[in-house]
C-alpha atoms as a PDB file:
ATOM      1  CA  UNK A   1     -19.098 -55.941  50.672  1.00  0.00           C
ATOM      2  CA  UNK A   2     -22.785 -56.105  49.794  1.00  0.00           C
ATOM      3  CA  UNK A   3     -23.830 -52.748  48.306  1.00  0.00           C
ATOM      4  CA  UNK A   4     -27.322 -53.095  49.841  1.00  0.00           C
ATOM      5  CA  UNK A   5     -25.999 -53.018  53.405  1.00  0.00           C
ATOM      6  CA  UNK A   6     -25.005 -49.620  54.738  1.00  0.00           C
ATOM      7  CA  UNK A   7     -22.465 -49.294  57.565  1.00  0.00           C
ATOM      8  CA  UNK A   8     -24.078 -48.783  61.012  1.00  0.00           C
ATOM      9  CA  UNK A   9     -23.095 -45.102  61.144  1.00  0.00           C
ATOM     10  CA  UNK A  10     -24.808 -44.436  57.801  1.00  0.00           C
ATOM     11  CA  UNK A  11     -28.106 -45.804  59.145  1.00  0.00           C
ATOM     12  CA  UNK A  12     -28.036 -43.707  62.312  1.00  0.00           C
ATOM     13  CA  UNK A  13     -30.739 -41.028  62.490  1.00  0.00           C
ATOM     14  CA  UNK A  14     -30.553 -37.737  64.407  1.00  0.00           C
ATOM     15  CA  UNK A  15     -31.568 -38.192  68.039  1.00  0.00           C
ATOM     16  CA  UNK A  16     -34.432 -35.706  68.276  1.00  0.00           C
ATOM     17  CA  UNK A  17     -38.125 -36.519  68.651  1.00  0.00           C
ATOM     18  CA  UNK A  18     -40.800 -34.115  67.485  1.00  0.00           C
ATOM     19  CA  UNK A  19     -43.855 -33.427  69.695  1.00  0.00           C
ATOM     20  CA  UNK A  20     -46.681 -30.879  69.877  1.00  0.00           C
ATOM     21  CA  UNK A  21     -46.617 -28.332  72.654  1.00  0.00           C
ATOM     22  CA  UNK A  22     -49.444 -28.201  75.237  1.00  0.00           C
ATOM     23  CA  UNK A  23     -51.456 -25.644  73.281  1.00  0.00           C
ATOM     24  CA  UNK A  24     -51.411 -27.798  70.150  1.00  0.00           C
ATOM     25  CA  UNK A  25     -49.291 -25.210  68.366  1.00  0.00           C
ATOM     26  CA  UNK A  26     -46.061 -25.565  66.448  1.00  0.00           C
ATOM     27  CA  UNK A  27     -43.885 -28.650  66.555  1.00  0.00           C
ATOM     28  CA  UNK A  28     -40.840 -28.493  68.802  1.00  0.00           C
ATOM     29  CA  UNK A  29     -37.746 -30.660  69.143  1.00  0.00           C
ATOM     30  CA  UNK A  30     -37.260 -32.693  72.298  1.00  0.00           C
ATOM     31  CA  UNK A  31     -33.735 -34.054  72.720  1.00  0.00           C
ATOM     32  CA  UNK A  32     -33.216 -37.651  73.796  1.00  0.00           C
ATOM     33  CA  UNK A  33     -30.968 -38.364  76.791  1.00  0.00           C
ATOM     34  CA  UNK A  34     -27.216 -38.154  76.224  1.00  0.00           C
ATOM     35  CA  UNK A  35     -25.296 -41.209  75.053  1.00  0.00           C
ATOM     36  CA  UNK A  36     -24.308 -43.637  77.743  1.00  0.00           C
ATOM     37  CA  UNK A  37     -20.654 -43.858  78.592  1.00  0.00           C
ATOM     38  CA  UNK A  38     -20.502 -47.354  77.044  1.00  0.00           C
ATOM     39  CA  UNK A  39     -22.035 -46.063  73.802  1.00  0.00           C
ATOM     40  CA  UNK A  40     -19.597 -43.143  73.750  1.00  0.00           C
ATOM     41  CA  UNK A  41     -16.611 -45.483  74.259  1.00  0.00           C
ATOM     42  CA  UNK A  42     -17.808 -47.688  71.389  1.00  0.00           C
ATOM     43  CA  UNK A  43     -18.305 -44.649  69.123  1.00  0.00           C
ATOM     44  CA  UNK A  44     -14.750 -43.471  69.851  1.00  0.00           C
ATOM     45  CA  UNK A  45     -13.398 -46.999  69.320  1.00  0.00           C
ATOM     46  CA  UNK A  46     -15.061 -47.257  65.903  1.00  0.00           C
ATOM     47  CA  UNK A  47     -13.816 -43.788  64.951  1.00  0.00           C
ATOM     48  CA  UNK A  48     -10.238 -44.748  65.904  1.00  0.00           C
ATOM     49  CA  UNK A  49     -10.485 -47.933  63.833  1.00  0.00           C
ATOM     50  CA  UNK A  50     -11.752 -45.978  60.802  1.00  0.00           C
ATOM     51  CA  UNK A  51      -8.733 -43.677  61.199  1.00  0.00           C
ATOM     52  CA  UNK A  52      -6.327 -46.638  61.384  1.00  0.00           C
ATOM     53  CA  UNK A  53      -5.558 -46.142  65.086  1.00  0.00           C
ATOM     54  CA  UNK A  54      -5.435 -48.650  67.931  1.00  0.00           C
ATOM     55  CA  UNK A  55      -5.776 -47.994  71.636  1.00  0.00           C
ATOM     56  CA  UNK A  56      -2.999 -49.879  73.422  1.00  0.00           C
ATOM     57  CA  UNK A  57      -2.307 -49.683  77.147  1.00  0.00           C
ATOM     58  CA  UNK A  58       1.407 -49.156  77.683  1.00  0.00           C
ATOM     59  CA  UNK A  59       3.461 -48.983  80.881  1.00  0.00           C
ATOM     60  CA  UNK A  60       5.704 -45.924  80.769  1.00  0.00           C
ATOM     61  CA  UNK A  61       8.580 -45.433  83.216  1.00  0.00           C
ATOM     62  CA  UNK A  62       9.220 -42.059  84.848  1.00  0.00           C
ATOM     63  CA  UNK A  63      12.557 -41.760  83.034  1.00  0.00           C
ATOM     64  CA  UNK A  64      10.738 -42.265  79.697  1.00  0.00           C
ATOM     65  CA  UNK A  65       8.305 -39.465  80.549  1.00  0.00           C
ATOM     66  CA  UNK A  66      11.282 -37.297  81.519  1.00  0.00           C
ATOM     67  CA  UNK A  67      12.896 -38.092  78.141  1.00  0.00           C
ATOM     68  CA  UNK A  68       9.711 -37.024  76.322  1.00  0.00           C
ATOM     69  CA  UNK A  69       9.885 -33.713  78.209  1.00  0.00           C
ATOM     70  CA  UNK A  70      13.623 -33.318  77.543  1.00  0.00           C
ATOM     71  CA  UNK A  71      13.168 -34.050  73.818  1.00  0.00           C
ATOM     72  CA  UNK A  72      10.323 -31.537  73.532  1.00  0.00           C
ATOM     73  CA  UNK A  73       7.489 -33.989  72.844  1.00  0.00           C
ATOM     74  CA  UNK A  74       5.776 -33.287  76.202  1.00  0.00           C
ATOM     75  CA  UNK A  75       5.519 -30.155  78.302  1.00  0.00           C
ATOM     76  CA  UNK A  76       6.743 -30.396  81.893  1.00  0.00           C
ATOM     77  CA  UNK A  77       3.328 -29.240  83.135  1.00  0.00           C
ATOM     78  CA  UNK A  78       1.612 -32.169  81.385  1.00  0.00           C
ATOM     79  CA  UNK A  79       3.895 -34.970  82.579  1.00  0.00           C
ATOM     80  CA  UNK A  80       1.200 -36.339  84.926  1.00  0.00           C
ATOM     81  CA  UNK A  81      -1.557 -36.287  82.279  1.00  0.00           C
ATOM     82  CA  UNK A  82      -2.014 -39.769  80.717  1.00  0.00           C
ATOM     83  CA  UNK A  83      -3.665 -38.333  77.579  1.00  0.00           C
ATOM     84  CA  UNK A  84      -0.813 -35.875  77.059  1.00  0.00           C
ATOM     85  CA  UNK A  85       1.754 -38.659  77.544  1.00  0.00           C
ATOM     86  CA  UNK A  86      -0.074 -40.802  74.965  1.00  0.00           C
ATOM     87  CA  UNK A  87      -0.123 -37.907  72.492  1.00  0.00           C
ATOM     88  CA  UNK A  88       3.592 -37.277  73.108  1.00  0.00           C
ATOM     89  CA  UNK A  89       4.407 -40.951  72.497  1.00  0.00           C
ATOM     90  CA  UNK A  90       2.452 -40.792  69.251  1.00  0.00           C
ATOM     91  CA  UNK A  91       4.396 -37.720  68.103  1.00  0.00           C
ATOM     92  CA  UNK A  92       7.659 -39.422  69.098  1.00  0.00           C
ATOM     93  CA  UNK A  93       6.791 -42.547  67.091  1.00  0.00           C
ATOM     94  CA  UNK A  94       5.649 -40.448  64.118  1.00  0.00           C
ATOM     95  CA  UNK A  95       9.152 -38.939  63.991  1.00  0.00           C
ATOM     96  CA  UNK A  96      10.923 -42.284  63.558  1.00  0.00           C
ATOM     97  CA  UNK A  97      11.980 -42.807  59.909  1.00  0.00           C
ATOM     98  CA  UNK A  98      10.322 -45.801  58.270  1.00  0.00           C
ATOM     99  CA  UNK A  99       7.241 -45.812  60.492  1.00  0.00           C
ATOM    100  CA  UNK A 100       5.199 -43.513  58.285  1.00  0.00           C
ATOM    101  CA  UNK A 101       2.333 -44.967  56.281  1.00  0.00           C
ATOM    102  CA  UNK A 102       3.425 -46.023  52.799  1.00  0.00           C
ATOM    103  CA  UNK A 103       1.613 -44.332  49.881  1.00  0.00           C
END
């Protein structure tokens, strides 16, 4: 990698603009609009990649969700929450011998 080129995140500046108030007094910060949903999705995608994760859509049967609850990886109250199911599947896979990252 060329040492003169910084990764995109390293070049990002804080998102505040400085302006004078109406009386010409002290400087004040004015925040820019929030990130767009597309920008937020891309930020999360890049963060996952940096952490070695991949987002993969997976079809999960009801009996598999029930097994995650029965095995203690998922609470019964969260069995309809897709994020909780994804987290439970991750914990389940992390517990399988041989799947851990090698040193």
